[in-house]
Amino acid sequence: MTVEDLNSKQVYNLLERAAYFKNGGRKENFKRQINVANLFFENSTRTKLSFTMAEKKLGLNVFPFAAETSSVQKGESLYDTLLTMSAIGIDLAVIRHPQNNYYQHILEQPGSKLNIGLLNAGDGSGQHPSQCLLDLMTIHEEFGHFNKLKIAIVGDLKNSRVARSNMQLLKKLGADIYFSGPSEWFTSEFNEYGQYLPLDELIPKIDVLMLLRVQHERHEETEAEKNFSEIKYHQQFGLTVARYQKMKSSAIVMHPGPINRGVEMASELVEAPRSRFVRQMTNGVYMRMAMLEAVINGRHIGG
């Protein structure tokens, strides 16, 4: 459920399998129909559609689920929703939930009768494994390795599950991690993984600039939030055209989306030559195919 559960061999196996799918490799022929449901309790475009596309490319049977019309609205717990799905024959559930570590309660339920595979599509501000792995795929395509790459994670660190997942796995793979953005969003938990530096000091020396969306929906209603200025943020912490021009010619720019244009990144840079935003979305489909296949094979339900 978290990227910390993965070892280096498992990561490279997923990278290899995702690359295989991207290069036209044929999917595994499962001997029986695999049923999957996508349970998204937070809004999503990229992750939900990407998982759906990955499932269809693998030949899985996708069951529709809409939280707003489900029994969740009657007070049903996530565990009991999954218990129902397990009972009627759903094999896999892809879940995005606003609660950090939502899966702990499910996995620790005493006397559980669940027989269903779970894939974490994002939990609150905790983890986002599939985004992390598609980011790694994008970086690996570019550089062929992670060791000693200088990677800056910049922006709304405190509220970002992308930042947490990426810093944990990239450090395990040997990258040098740096952080930047508003200093009040850099908390002590990040010290273990990298160093905080001003953005303009980082720009000329990094290999990967990983920008984060400003997540106003997770911010407390403080005076700072009320007085937030998109223009000031962009000037101080965003990728302006001037900063882009100071980056190394080999450096790349990444963003998990959705992008606040003119805030984290100048609008004209979203599809600029060094931007990998579109490639990240493309890679997401193939990485999620690899993840789904790994869970199916790990549960021995493919026949």
C-alpha atoms as a PDB file:
ATOM      1  CA  MET A   1       0.000   0.000   0.000  1.00  0.00           C
ATOM      2  CA  THR A   2       3.024   2.294   0.373  1.00  0.00           C
ATOM      3  CA  VAL A   3       6.170   2.596  -1.732  1.00  0.00           C
ATOM      4  CA  GLU A   4       8.239   1.770   1.343  1.00  0.00           C
ATOM      5  CA  ASP A   5       6.941  -1.800   1.007  1.00  0.00           C
ATOM      6  CA  LEU A   6       8.802  -2.149  -2.309  1.00  0.00           C
ATOM      7  CA  ASN A   7      12.432  -3.214  -2.592  1.00  0.00           C
ATOM      8  CA  SER A   8      14.713  -2.150  -5.445  1.00  0.00           C
ATOM      9  CA  LYS A   9      14.285  -5.417  -7.341  1.00  0.00           C
ATOM     10  CA  GLN A  10      10.515  -5.078  -7.300  1.00  0.00           C
ATOM     11  CA  VAL A  11      10.748  -1.492  -8.533  1.00  0.00           C
ATOM     12  CA  TYR A  12      12.995  -2.422 -11.447  1.00  0.00           C
ATOM     13  CA  ASN A  13      10.740  -5.356 -12.311  1.00  0.00           C
ATOM     14  CA  LEU A  14       7.781  -2.967 -12.533  1.00  0.00           C
ATOM     15  CA  LEU A  15       9.799  -0.507 -14.625  1.00  0.00           C
ATOM     16  CA  GLU A  16      10.801  -3.297 -16.999  1.00  0.00           C
ATOM     17  CA  ARG A  17       7.256  -4.630 -17.330  1.00  0.00           C
ATOM     18  CA  ALA A  18       5.780  -1.139 -17.878  1.00  0.00           C
ATOM     19  CA  ALA A  19       8.382  -0.464 -20.588  1.00  0.00           C
ATOM     20  CA  TYR A  20       7.475  -3.813 -22.177  1.00  0.00           C
ATOM     21  CA  PHE A  21       3.819  -2.808 -22.377  1.00  0.00           C
ATOM     22  CA  LYS A  22       4.701   0.644 -23.711  1.00  0.00           C
ATOM     23  CA  ASN A  23       6.845  -0.870 -26.454  1.00  0.00           C
ATOM     24  CA  GLY A  24       3.961  -2.979 -27.713  1.00  0.00           C
ATOM     25  CA  GLY A  25       4.473  -6.092 -25.627  1.00  0.00           C
ATOM     26  CA  ARG A  26       1.448  -8.355 -25.402  1.00  0.00           C
ATOM     27  CA  LYS A  27      -0.519  -8.632 -22.194  1.00  0.00           C
ATOM     28  CA  GLU A  28      -0.669 -11.883 -20.282  1.00  0.00           C
ATOM     29  CA  ASN A  29      -3.688 -14.011 -21.163  1.00  0.00           C
ATOM     30  CA  PHE A  30      -5.482 -14.671 -17.896  1.00  0.00           C
ATOM     31  CA  LYS A  31      -7.337 -17.959 -17.824  1.00  0.00           C
ATOM     32  CA  ARG A  32     -10.408 -16.471 -16.201  1.00  0.00           C
ATOM     33  CA  GLN A  33     -12.182 -13.131 -16.129  1.00  0.00           C
ATOM     34  CA  ILE A  34     -10.712 -10.700 -13.582  1.00  0.00           C
ATOM     35  CA  ASN A  35     -13.222  -8.236 -12.110  1.00  0.00           C
ATOM     36  CA  VAL A  36     -12.112  -4.816 -10.848  1.00  0.00           C
ATOM     37  CA  ALA A  37     -13.807  -1.762  -9.344  1.00  0.00           C
ATOM     38  CA  ASN A  38     -12.358   1.752  -9.009  1.00  0.00           C
ATOM     39  CA  LEU A  39     -13.438   3.383  -5.746  1.00  0.00           C
ATOM     40  CA  PHE A  40     -12.602   7.085  -5.898  1.00  0.00           C
ATOM     41  CA  PHE A  41     -13.751   9.098  -2.890  1.00  0.00           C
ATOM     42  CA  GLU A  42     -11.818  12.170  -4.070  1.00  0.00           C
ATOM     43  CA  ASN A  43     -12.010  13.931  -7.414  1.00  0.00           C
ATOM     44  CA  SER A  44      -9.623  12.616 -10.039  1.00  0.00           C
ATOM     45  CA  THR A  45      -9.054  12.845 -13.775  1.00  0.00           C
ATOM     46  CA  ARG A  46      -5.595  11.438 -14.556  1.00  0.00           C
ATOM     47  CA  THR A  47      -5.403   8.624 -12.013  1.00  0.00           C
ATOM     48  CA  LYS A  48      -8.958   7.340 -12.453  1.00  0.00           C
ATOM     49  CA  LEU A  49      -8.921   7.408 -16.254  1.00  0.00           C
ATOM     50  CA  SER A  50      -5.389   5.998 -16.347  1.00  0.00           C
ATOM     51  CA  PHE A  51      -6.317   3.045 -14.145  1.00  0.00           C
ATOM     52  CA  THR A  52      -9.456   2.463 -16.234  1.00  0.00           C
ATOM     53  CA  MET A  53      -7.445   2.483 -19.466  1.00  0.00           C
ATOM     54  CA  ALA A  54      -4.838   0.159 -17.936  1.00  0.00           C
ATOM     55  CA  GLU A  55      -7.570  -2.245 -16.810  1.00  0.00           C
ATOM     56  CA  LYS A  56      -9.176  -2.308 -20.243  1.00  0.00           C
ATOM     57  CA  LYS A  57      -5.814  -2.853 -21.976  1.00  0.00           C
ATOM     58  CA  LEU A  58      -5.269  -5.862 -19.701  1.00  0.00           C
ATOM     59  CA  GLY A  59      -8.695  -7.207 -20.591  1.00  0.00           C
ATOM     60  CA  LEU A  60     -10.132  -6.815 -17.100  1.00  0.00           C
ATOM     61  CA  ASN A  61     -13.866  -6.477 -16.464  1.00  0.00           C
ATOM     62  CA  VAL A  62     -14.367  -2.993 -14.963  1.00  0.00           C
ATOM     63  CA  PHE A  63     -17.391  -2.552 -12.686  1.00  0.00           C
ATOM     64  CA  PRO A  64     -18.653   1.027 -12.309  1.00  0.00           C
ATOM     65  CA  PHE A  65     -18.687   2.583  -8.851  1.00  0.00           C
ATOM     66  CA  ALA A  66     -19.805   6.110  -7.933  1.00  0.00           C
ATOM     67  CA  ALA A  67     -19.300   7.095  -4.310  1.00  0.00           C
ATOM     68  CA  GLU A  68     -22.020   9.735  -4.490  1.00  0.00           C
ATOM     69  CA  THR A  69     -24.708   7.143  -5.356  1.00  0.00           C
ATOM     70  CA  SER A  70     -23.399   4.263  -3.246  1.00  0.00           C
ATOM     71  CA  SER A  71     -24.364   3.057   0.223  1.00  0.00           C
ATOM     72  CA  VAL A  72     -21.452   5.116   1.552  1.00  0.00           C
ATOM     73  CA  GLN A  73     -24.005   7.941   1.524  1.00  0.00           C
ATOM     74  CA  LYS A  74     -26.058   5.883   4.002  1.00  0.00           C
ATOM     75  CA  GLY A  75     -23.109   5.563   6.347  1.00  0.00           C
ATOM     76  CA  GLU A  76     -21.654   2.273   5.116  1.00  0.00           C
ATOM     77  CA  SER A  77     -17.985   1.873   6.022  1.00  0.00           C
ATOM     78  CA  LEU A  78     -15.273   1.358   3.427  1.00  0.00           C
ATOM     79  CA  TYR A  79     -14.621  -2.094   4.889  1.00  0.00           C
ATOM     80  CA  ASP A  80     -18.255  -3.131   4.458  1.00  0.00           C
ATOM     81  CA  THR A  81     -18.304  -1.749   0.906  1.00  0.00           C
ATOM     82  CA  LEU A  82     -15.279  -3.918   0.119  1.00  0.00           C
ATOM     83  CA  LEU A  83     -16.851  -6.883   1.929  1.00  0.00           C
ATOM     84  CA  THR A  84     -19.844  -6.586  -0.393  1.00  0.00           C
ATOM     85  CA  MET A  85     -17.605  -6.415  -3.456  1.00  0.00           C
ATOM     86  CA  SER A  86     -15.593  -9.402  -2.310  1.00  0.00           C
ATOM     87  CA  ALA A  87     -18.787 -11.398  -1.722  1.00  0.00           C
ATOM     88  CA  ILE A  88     -20.190 -10.751  -5.217  1.00  0.00           C
ATOM     89  CA  GLY A  89     -16.935 -11.621  -6.975  1.00  0.00           C
ATOM     90  CA  ILE A  90     -14.905  -8.434  -7.430  1.00  0.00           C
ATOM     91  CA  ASP A  91     -11.239  -9.474  -7.485  1.00  0.00           C
ATOM     92  CA  LEU A  92      -9.496  -6.088  -7.258  1.00  0.00           C
ATOM     93  CA  ALA A  93     -10.348  -2.682  -5.842  1.00  0.00           C
ATOM     94  CA  VAL A  94      -8.436   0.457  -6.770  1.00  0.00           C
ATOM     95  CA  ILE A  95      -9.056   3.004  -4.008  1.00  0.00           C
ATOM     96  CA  ARG A  96      -8.480   6.717  -3.612  1.00  0.00           C
ATOM     97  CA  HIS A  97      -9.526   8.024  -0.220  1.00  0.00           C
ATOM     98  CA  PRO A  98      -9.131  11.337   1.649  1.00  0.00           C
ATOM     99  CA  GLN A  99      -8.053   9.597   4.869  1.00  0.00           C
ATOM    100  CA  ASN A 100      -4.346   8.946   5.400  1.00  0.00           C
ATOM    101  CA  ASN A 101      -3.553   5.236   5.795  1.00  0.00           C
ATOM    102  CA  TYR A 102      -7.191   4.261   5.195  1.00  0.00           C
ATOM    103  CA  TYR A 103      -6.003   0.743   4.360  1.00  0.00           C
ATOM    104  CA  GLN A 104      -4.644   0.043   7.839  1.00  0.00           C
ATOM    105  CA  HIS A 105      -8.135  -0.323   9.273  1.00  0.00           C
ATOM    106  CA  ILE A 106      -9.074  -2.666   6.433  1.00  0.00           C
ATOM    107  CA  LEU A 107      -5.977  -4.846   6.723  1.00  0.00           C
ATOM    108  CA  GLU A 108      -6.207  -5.066  10.510  1.00  0.00           C
ATOM    109  CA  GLN A 109      -9.933  -5.905  10.694  1.00  0.00           C
ATOM    110  CA  PRO A 110     -10.226  -8.897  13.093  1.00  0.00           C
ATOM    111  CA  GLY A 111     -11.786 -12.000  11.582  1.00  0.00           C
ATOM    112  CA  SER A 112     -11.871 -10.416   8.134  1.00  0.00           C
ATOM    113  CA  LYS A 113     -13.635 -12.339   5.343  1.00  0.00           C
ATOM    114  CA  LEU A 114     -12.269 -10.073   2.616  1.00  0.00           C
ATOM    115  CA  ASN A 115     -10.887 -11.829  -0.430  1.00  0.00           C
ATOM    116  CA  ILE A 116      -9.994  -8.905  -2.643  1.00  0.00           C
ATOM    117  CA  GLY A 117      -6.777  -7.296  -3.883  1.00  0.00           C
ATOM    118  CA  LEU A 118      -6.276  -3.627  -3.026  1.00  0.00           C
ATOM    119  CA  LEU A 119      -4.342  -0.987  -4.968  1.00  0.00           C
ATOM    120  CA  ASN A 120      -3.774   2.390  -3.342  1.00  0.00           C
ATOM    121  CA  ALA A 121      -4.597   5.201  -5.782  1.00  0.00           C
ATOM    122  CA  GLY A 122      -3.816   7.847  -3.168  1.00  0.00           C
ATOM    123  CA  ASP A 123      -4.559   8.289   0.533  1.00  0.00           C
ATOM    124  CA  GLY A 124      -5.032  11.819   1.836  1.00  0.00           C
ATOM    125  CA  SER A 125      -1.656  13.514   2.080  1.00  0.00           C
ATOM    126  CA  GLY A 126       0.053  10.179   2.752  1.00  0.00           C
ATOM    127  CA  GLN A 127       1.023   8.092  -0.295  1.00  0.00           C
ATOM    128  CA  HIS A 128       0.502   7.935  -4.064  1.00  0.00           C
ATOM    129  CA  PRO A 129       2.327   4.780  -5.196  1.00  0.00           C
ATOM    130  CA  SER A 130       1.210   4.693  -8.830  1.00  0.00           C
ATOM    131  CA  GLN A 131       2.134   8.349  -9.402  1.00  0.00           C
ATOM    132  CA  CYS A 132       5.522   7.712  -7.825  1.00  0.00           C
ATOM    133  CA  LEU A 133       6.187   4.688 -10.026  1.00  0.00           C
ATOM    134  CA  LEU A 134       5.130   6.431 -13.233  1.00  0.00           C
ATOM    135  CA  ASP A 135       7.413   9.311 -12.246  1.00  0.00           C
ATOM    136  CA  LEU A 136      10.269   6.842 -11.786  1.00  0.00           C
ATOM    137  CA  MET A 137       9.492   5.335 -15.176  1.00  0.00           C
ATOM    138  CA  THR A 138       9.689   8.797 -16.756  1.00  0.00           C
ATOM    139  CA  ILE A 139      13.005   9.585 -15.046  1.00  0.00           C
ATOM    140  CA  HIS A 140      14.461   6.187 -15.937  1.00  0.00           C
ATOM    141  CA  GLU A 141      13.509   6.637 -19.593  1.00  0.00           C
ATOM    142  CA  GLU A 142      15.404   9.915 -19.588  1.00  0.00           C
ATOM    143  CA  PHE A 143      18.564   9.013 -17.677  1.00  0.00           C
ATOM    144  CA  GLY A 144      18.686   5.214 -17.492  1.00  0.00           C
ATOM    145  CA  HIS A 145      19.452   5.287 -13.752  1.00  0.00           C
ATOM    146  CA  PHE A 146      18.698   7.083 -10.477  1.00  0.00           C
ATOM    147  CA  ASN A 147      22.036   7.003  -8.669  1.00  0.00           C
ATOM    148  CA  LYS A 148      23.267  10.499  -7.758  1.00  0.00           C
ATOM    149  CA  LEU A 149      20.647  12.246  -9.872  1.00  0.00           C
ATOM    150  CA  LYS A 150      19.860  15.633  -8.342  1.00  0.00           C
ATOM    151  CA  ILE A 151      16.095  15.841  -7.935  1.00  0.00           C
ATOM    152  CA  ALA A 152      14.294  18.877  -6.508  1.00  0.00           C
ATOM    153  CA  ILE A 153      10.750  18.475  -5.163  1.00  0.00           C
ATOM    154  CA  VAL A 154       9.216  21.940  -5.011  1.00  0.00           C
ATOM    155  CA  GLY A 155       5.978  23.394  -3.705  1.00  0.00           C
ATOM    156  CA  ASP A 156       3.234  22.291  -1.336  1.00  0.00           C
ATOM    157  CA  LEU A 157       5.336  19.659   0.436  1.00  0.00           C
ATOM    158  CA  LYS A 158       3.296  19.456   3.617  1.00  0.00           C
ATOM    159  CA  ASN A 159       0.119  18.351   1.825  1.00  0.00           C
ATOM    160  CA  SER A 160       1.638  16.259  -0.953  1.00  0.00           C
ATOM    161  CA  ARG A 161       1.359  12.472  -1.097  1.00  0.00           C
ATOM    162  CA  VAL A 162       3.397  12.682  -4.319  1.00  0.00           C
ATOM    163  CA  ALA A 163       6.296  14.306  -2.452  1.00  0.00           C
ATOM    164  CA  ARG A 164       6.262  11.661   0.276  1.00  0.00           C
ATOM    165  CA  SER A 165       6.138   8.694  -2.067  1.00  0.00           C
ATOM    166  CA  ASN A 166       8.785  10.061  -4.410  1.00  0.00           C
ATOM    167  CA  MET A 167      11.248  11.116  -1.732  1.00  0.00           C
ATOM    168  CA  GLN A 168      11.091   7.693  -0.081  1.00  0.00           C
ATOM    169  CA  LEU A 169      11.592   5.606  -3.195  1.00  0.00           C
ATOM    170  CA  LEU A 170      14.035   7.914  -4.983  1.00  0.00           C
ATOM    171  CA  LYS A 171      16.299   8.014  -1.951  1.00  0.00           C
ATOM    172  CA  LYS A 172      16.194   4.209  -1.729  1.00  0.00           C
ATOM    173  CA  LEU A 173      17.335   4.087  -5.368  1.00  0.00           C
ATOM    174  CA  GLY A 174      20.274   6.428  -4.751  1.00  0.00           C
ATOM    175  CA  ALA A 175      19.057   9.836  -5.915  1.00  0.00           C
ATOM    176  CA  ASP A 176      20.065  13.066  -4.155  1.00  0.00           C
ATOM    177  CA  ILE A 177      16.871  14.796  -3.011  1.00  0.00           C
ATOM    178  CA  TYR A 178      16.372  18.524  -2.469  1.00  0.00           C
ATOM    179  CA  PHE A 179      13.300  20.472  -1.418  1.00  0.00           C
ATOM    180  CA  SER A 180      12.123  24.000  -2.025  1.00  0.00           C
ATOM    181  CA  GLY A 181       9.004  26.143  -1.900  1.00  0.00           C
ATOM    182  CA  PRO A 182       7.422  28.105   0.964  1.00  0.00           C
ATOM    183  CA  SER A 183       9.493  27.313   4.047  1.00  0.00           C
ATOM    184  CA  GLU A 184       6.376  26.878   6.211  1.00  0.00           C
ATOM    185  CA  TRP A 185       5.471  23.827   4.094  1.00  0.00           C
ATOM    186  CA  PHE A 186       8.812  22.170   4.790  1.00  0.00           C
ATOM    187  CA  THR A 187       8.376  20.176   8.013  1.00  0.00           C
ATOM    188  CA  SER A 188      10.821  18.080  10.015  1.00  0.00           C
ATOM    189  CA  GLU A 189       9.742  14.797   8.348  1.00  0.00           C
ATOM    190  CA  PHE A 190      11.537  15.858   5.158  1.00  0.00           C
ATOM    191  CA  ASN A 191      14.929  16.285   6.830  1.00  0.00           C
ATOM    192  CA  GLU A 192      15.583  12.552   6.674  1.00  0.00           C
ATOM    193  CA  TYR A 193      15.328  12.542   2.896  1.00  0.00           C
ATOM    194  CA  GLY A 194      16.934  15.737   1.682  1.00  0.00           C
ATOM    195  CA  GLN A 195      17.953  19.337   2.128  1.00  0.00           C
ATOM    196  CA  TYR A 196      15.853  22.483   1.786  1.00  0.00           C
ATOM    197  CA  LEU A 197      17.418  25.147  -0.462  1.00  0.00           C
ATOM    198  CA  PRO A 198      16.142  28.305  -2.173  1.00  0.00           C
ATOM    199  CA  LEU A 199      14.740  27.516  -5.618  1.00  0.00           C
ATOM    200  CA  ASP A 200      17.070  29.860  -7.486  1.00  0.00           C
ATOM    201  CA  GLU A 201      20.056  28.094  -5.930  1.00  0.00           C
ATOM    202  CA  LEU A 202      18.758  24.710  -7.104  1.00  0.00           C
ATOM    203  CA  ILE A 203      17.660  25.577 -10.634  1.00  0.00           C
ATOM    204  CA  PRO A 204      21.111  25.543 -12.363  1.00  0.00           C
ATOM    205  CA  LYS A 205      22.332  22.261 -10.844  1.00  0.00           C
ATOM    206  CA  ILE A 206      19.395  19.856 -10.754  1.00  0.00           C
ATOM    207  CA  ASP A 207      18.598  17.058 -13.208  1.00  0.00           C
ATOM    208  CA  VAL A 208      14.895  16.825 -12.393  1.00  0.00           C
ATOM    209  CA  LEU A 209      12.574  19.594 -11.236  1.00  0.00           C
ATOM    210  CA  MET A 210       9.480  18.001  -9.733  1.00  0.00           C
ATOM    211  CA  LEU A 211       6.812  20.649  -9.179  1.00  0.00           C
ATOM    212  CA  LEU A 212       3.840  20.108  -6.857  1.00  0.00           C
ATOM    213  CA  ARG A 213       0.341  21.515  -7.098  1.00  0.00           C
ATOM    214  CA  VAL A 214      -0.705  24.027  -4.438  1.00  0.00           C
ATOM    215  CA  GLN A 215      -3.491  22.089  -2.704  1.00  0.00           C
ATOM    216  CA  HIS A 216      -5.762  24.778  -1.335  1.00  0.00           C
ATOM    217  CA  GLU A 217      -8.406  22.163  -0.457  1.00  0.00           C
ATOM    218  CA  ARG A 218      -6.057  20.714   2.199  1.00  0.00           C
ATOM    219  CA  HIS A 219      -5.013  24.046   3.688  1.00  0.00           C
ATOM    220  CA  GLU A 220      -6.409  25.381   6.899  1.00  0.00           C
ATOM    221  CA  GLU A 221      -8.281  28.693   6.628  1.00  0.00           C
ATOM    222  CA  THR A 222      -5.370  30.795   7.891  1.00  0.00           C
ATOM    223  CA  GLU A 223      -4.616  34.412   7.079  1.00  0.00           C
ATOM    224  CA  ALA A 224      -1.796  33.225   4.818  1.00  0.00           C
ATOM    225  CA  GLU A 225      -4.239  31.084   2.840  1.00  0.00           C
ATOM    226  CA  LYS A 226      -6.786  33.895   2.607  1.00  0.00           C
ATOM    227  CA  ASN A 227      -4.097  36.237   1.312  1.00  0.00           C
ATOM    228  CA  PHE A 228      -2.526  33.742  -1.082  1.00  0.00           C
ATOM    229  CA  SER A 229      -1.391  35.413  -4.287  1.00  0.00           C
ATOM    230  CA  GLU A 230      -0.925  33.313  -7.424  1.00  0.00           C
ATOM    231  CA  ILE A 231       1.306  35.969  -8.941  1.00  0.00           C
ATOM    232  CA  LYS A 232       3.575  36.219  -5.889  1.00  0.00           C
ATOM    233  CA  TYR A 233       3.800  32.429  -5.563  1.00  0.00           C
ATOM    234  CA  HIS A 234       4.780  32.090  -9.205  1.00  0.00           C
ATOM    235  CA  GLN A 235       7.437  34.773  -8.887  1.00  0.00           C
ATOM    236  CA  GLN A 236       8.935  33.285  -5.712  1.00  0.00           C
ATOM    237  CA  PHE A 237       8.446  29.519  -6.076  1.00  0.00           C
ATOM    238  CA  GLY A 238       7.174  28.766  -9.578  1.00  0.00           C
ATOM    239  CA  LEU A 239       8.934  27.800 -12.772  1.00  0.00           C
ATOM    240  CA  THR A 240       9.087  31.068 -14.647  1.00  0.00           C
ATOM    241  CA  VAL A 241      10.451  31.342 -18.170  1.00  0.00           C
ATOM    242  CA  ALA A 242      13.589  32.958 -16.751  1.00  0.00           C
ATOM    243  CA  ARG A 243      14.198  30.031 -14.371  1.00  0.00           C
ATOM    244  CA  TYR A 244      13.512  27.513 -17.139  1.00  0.00           C
ATOM    245  CA  GLN A 245      16.228  29.126 -19.254  1.00  0.00           C
ATOM    246  CA  LYS A 246      18.746  28.708 -16.413  1.00  0.00           C
ATOM    247  CA  MET A 247      18.235  24.954 -16.136  1.00  0.00           C
ATOM    248  CA  LYS A 248      20.782  22.503 -17.506  1.00  0.00           C
ATOM    249  CA  SER A 249      20.090  21.522 -21.118  1.00  0.00           C
ATOM    250  CA  SER A 250      19.708  17.898 -19.998  1.00  0.00           C
ATOM    251  CA  ALA A 251      17.328  18.678 -17.107  1.00  0.00           C
ATOM    252  CA  ILE A 252      13.624  17.825 -17.206  1.00  0.00           C
ATOM    253  CA  VAL A 253      10.514  19.292 -15.582  1.00  0.00           C
ATOM    254  CA  MET A 254       7.761  17.151 -14.049  1.00  0.00           C
ATOM    255  CA  HIS A 255       4.348  17.808 -12.480  1.00  0.00           C
ATOM    256  CA  PRO A 256       1.771  15.248 -11.254  1.00  0.00           C
ATOM    257  CA  GLY A 257      -1.165  17.386 -12.375  1.00  0.00           C
ATOM    258  CA  PRO A 258      -3.519  19.065 -12.352  1.00  0.00           C
ATOM    259  CA  ILE A 259      -1.337  22.087 -13.073  1.00  0.00           C
ATOM    260  CA  ASN A 260      -2.288  25.517 -11.832  1.00  0.00           C
ATOM    261  CA  ARG A 261      -1.019  27.359 -14.893  1.00  0.00           C
ATOM    262  CA  GLY A 262       0.797  30.542 -14.020  1.00  0.00           C
ATOM    263  CA  VAL A 263       1.276  29.363 -10.431  1.00  0.00           C
ATOM    264  CA  GLU A 264       3.570  26.304 -10.237  1.00  0.00           C
ATOM    265  CA  MET A 265       4.569  26.674 -13.880  1.00  0.00           C
ATOM    266  CA  ALA A 266       4.250  29.339 -16.567  1.00  0.00           C
ATOM    267  CA  SER A 267       1.502  28.279 -18.973  1.00  0.00           C
ATOM    268  CA  GLU A 268       3.823  28.354 -21.988  1.00  0.00           C
ATOM    269  CA  LEU A 269       6.152  25.833 -20.293  1.00  0.00           C
ATOM    270  CA  VAL A 270       3.571  23.067 -19.762  1.00  0.00           C
ATOM    271  CA  GLU A 271       4.393  21.559 -23.169  1.00  0.00           C
ATOM    272  CA  ALA A 272       7.896  23.008 -23.512  1.00  0.00           C
ATOM    273  CA  PRO A 273      10.761  20.762 -24.757  1.00  0.00           C
ATOM    274  CA  ARG A 274      12.023  19.918 -21.252  1.00  0.00           C
ATOM    275  CA  SER A 275       8.565  19.338 -19.787  1.00  0.00           C
ATOM    276  CA  ARG A 276       7.606  15.700 -19.294  1.00  0.00           C
ATOM    277  CA  PHE A 277       4.047  16.377 -18.110  1.00  0.00           C
ATOM    278  CA  VAL A 278       2.412  14.705 -21.121  1.00  0.00           C
ATOM    279  CA  ARG A 279       4.819  11.764 -21.056  1.00  0.00           C
ATOM    280  CA  GLN A 280       4.087  11.211 -17.368  1.00  0.00           C
ATOM    281  CA  MET A 281       0.394  10.811 -18.178  1.00  0.00           C
ATOM    282  CA  THR A 282       1.167   8.400 -21.009  1.00  0.00           C
ATOM    283  CA  ASN A 283       3.530   6.386 -18.820  1.00  0.00           C
ATOM    284  CA  GLY A 284       0.869   6.207 -16.131  1.00  0.00           C
ATOM    285  CA  VAL A 285      -1.217   3.816 -18.193  1.00  0.00           C
ATOM    286  CA  TYR A 286       1.651   1.368 -18.723  1.00  0.00           C
ATOM    287  CA  MET A 287       2.898   1.528 -15.150  1.00  0.00           C
ATOM    288  CA  ARG A 288      -0.587   0.905 -13.828  1.00  0.00           C
ATOM    289  CA  MET A 289      -0.878  -2.075 -16.187  1.00  0.00           C
ATOM    290  CA  ALA A 290       2.309  -3.432 -14.627  1.00  0.00           C
ATOM    291  CA  MET A 291       0.993  -2.819 -11.104  1.00  0.00           C
ATOM    292  CA  LEU A 292      -2.370  -4.467 -11.758  1.00  0.00           C
ATOM    293  CA  GLU A 293      -0.689  -7.461 -13.385  1.00  0.00           C
ATOM    294  CA  ALA A 294       1.689  -7.817 -10.421  1.00  0.00           C
ATOM    295  CA  VAL A 295      -1.204  -7.883  -7.942  1.00  0.00           C
ATOM    296  CA  ILE A 296      -3.132 -10.397 -10.061  1.00  0.00           C
ATOM    297  CA  ASN A 297      -0.102 -12.665 -10.314  1.00  0.00           C
ATOM    298  CA  GLY A 298       0.743 -12.193  -6.652  1.00  0.00           C
ATOM    299  CA  ARG A 299      -2.761 -13.311  -5.681  1.00  0.00           C
ATOM    300  CA  HIS A 300      -2.649 -16.228  -8.171  1.00  0.00           C
ATOM    301  CA  ILE A 301      -6.076 -15.346  -9.554  1.00  0.00           C
ATOM    302  CA  GLY A 302      -5.134 -15.203 -13.240  1.00  0.00           C
ATOM    303  CA  GLY A 303      -5.385 -18.937 -13.674  1.00  0.00           C
END
